[in-house]
Protein backbone atom coordinates (compact mmCIF):
# COMPACT_ATOMS: atom_id res chain seq x y z
CA MET A 1 0.00 0.00 0.00
CA PHE A 2 2.84 2.39 0.76
CA GLU A 3 4.65 1.45 -2.43
CA PHE A 4 1.58 2.30 -4.48
CA ALA A 5 1.31 5.76 -2.87
CA ALA A 6 5.02 6.46 -3.48
CA ASP A 7 4.72 5.39 -7.12
CA ALA A 8 1.67 7.56 -7.63
CA GLY A 9 3.47 10.61 -6.23
CA ALA A 10 6.51 10.08 -8.45
CA GLY A 11 4.36 9.41 -11.49
CA GLY A 12 2.37 12.58 -10.90
CA ALA A 13 5.49 14.75 -10.92
CA SER A 14 6.81 13.19 -14.12
CA GLY A 15 3.34 13.53 -15.65
CA ILE A 16 3.36 17.27 -15.01
CA VAL A 17 6.82 17.63 -16.54
CA SER A 18 5.73 15.69 -19.61
CA LEU A 19 2.76 18.05 -19.97
CA ILE A 20 4.94 21.18 -19.70
CA TRP A 21 7.48 20.19 -22.39
CA PRO A 22 5.10 20.68 -25.35
CA PHE A 23 4.27 24.20 -24.13
CA VAL A 24 7.96 25.06 -23.71
CA LEU A 25 8.67 23.73 -27.18
CA MET A 26 5.73 25.64 -28.65
CA PHE A 27 6.90 28.89 -27.01
CA ALA A 28 10.43 28.37 -28.37
CA ILE A 29 9.05 27.87 -31.88
CA PHE A 30 6.89 31.00 -31.62
CA TYR A 31 9.85 32.98 -30.28
CA PHE A 32 12.22 32.05 -33.09
CA LEU A 33 9.65 32.21 -35.90
CA LEU A 34 7.55 35.21 -34.86
CA ILE A 35 8.82 37.30 -31.96
CA ARG A 36 12.55 37.48 -32.69
CA PRO A 37 12.22 38.46 -36.40
CA GLN A 38 9.70 41.16 -35.46
CA GLN A 39 12.12 42.57 -32.87
CA LYS A 40 14.92 42.66 -35.46
CA LYS A 41 12.65 44.43 -37.94
CA GLN A 42 11.66 47.00 -35.31
CA LYS A 43 15.32 47.68 -34.42
CA ALA A 44 16.18 48.17 -38.10
CA ARG A 45 13.26 50.61 -38.53
CA THR A 46 14.28 52.59 -35.44
CA ALA A 47 17.87 52.79 -36.70
CA MET A 48 16.64 54.00 -40.11
CA LEU A 49 14.49 56.71 -38.50
CA ARG A 50 17.40 57.90 -36.34
CA ALA A 51 19.74 58.03 -39.36
CA LEU A 52 17.49 60.33 -41.40
CA SER A 53 19.01 63.70 -42.22
CA LYS A 54 18.29 66.81 -44.25
CA GLY A 55 18.35 66.14 -47.99
CA ASP A 56 17.40 62.45 -47.75
CA LYS A 57 14.66 61.23 -50.08
CA VAL A 58 11.97 59.25 -48.27
CA VAL A 59 8.57 57.61 -48.72
CA THR A 60 5.82 58.02 -46.12
CA ILE A 61 3.50 55.25 -44.97
CA GLY A 62 0.84 56.75 -47.25
CA GLY A 63 3.13 56.48 -50.28
CA LEU A 64 4.09 60.16 -50.59
CA HIS A 65 7.62 60.71 -51.95
CA GLY A 66 9.60 63.74 -50.86
CA THR A 67 12.91 65.22 -49.76
CA ILE A 68 13.59 66.18 -46.15
CA VAL A 69 14.11 69.94 -45.77
CA GLU A 70 13.70 70.22 -41.97
CA ILE A 71 13.96 67.60 -39.26
CA THR A 72 13.34 67.67 -35.51
CA ASP A 73 13.02 64.96 -32.87
CA ASP A 74 9.33 64.40 -33.61
CA THR A 75 8.55 65.94 -37.02
CA ILE A 76 9.89 66.01 -40.54
CA VAL A 77 9.12 68.62 -43.22
CA LEU A 78 9.13 67.17 -46.72
CA LEU A 79 9.51 69.07 -49.97
CA VAL A 80 7.09 67.33 -52.33
CA ASN A 81 7.54 69.45 -55.45
CA ASP A 82 9.30 72.76 -56.01
CA ALA A 83 6.99 74.72 -53.70
CA THR A 84 4.99 72.34 -51.52
CA LYS A 85 6.23 71.55 -48.02
CA LEU A 86 4.35 69.08 -45.84
CA THR A 87 4.94 68.27 -42.16
CA PHE A 88 4.82 64.66 -40.97
CA ASP A 89 5.49 62.80 -37.76
CA ARG A 90 8.88 61.15 -37.89
CA SER A 91 7.24 57.76 -37.31
CA SER A 92 5.20 58.14 -40.52
CA ILE A 93 8.30 57.62 -42.66
CA SER A 94 8.17 54.18 -44.24
CA GLN A 95 11.52 53.97 -45.98
CA GLY A 96 14.41 55.88 -47.43
CA VAL A 97 14.88 56.06 -51.19
CA ARG A 98 18.28 55.51 -52.75
CA ASN A 99 19.74 58.56 -54.39
CA GLU A 100 20.58 57.55 -57.94
């Protein structure tokens, strides 16, 4: 009778561990396939926004192409054509355009 109780206690602990392993494995898969690439992408975007300077050609999230004429910590003024200047939040810049 005592042996049965001892075996049941040991089996219960190993049963819990065997139930936890699939969740740990699933979290690891999600981390390496979803979370980590998203963090890398966010770091690259932040670095791109910090590296912007006057004269850079950029594209906004809405698809507007322009050249930076003024830049502050929070805003960017874009020259769209020869006379039109538009002010955007710095975070609304989608990408830089290569100067060719």
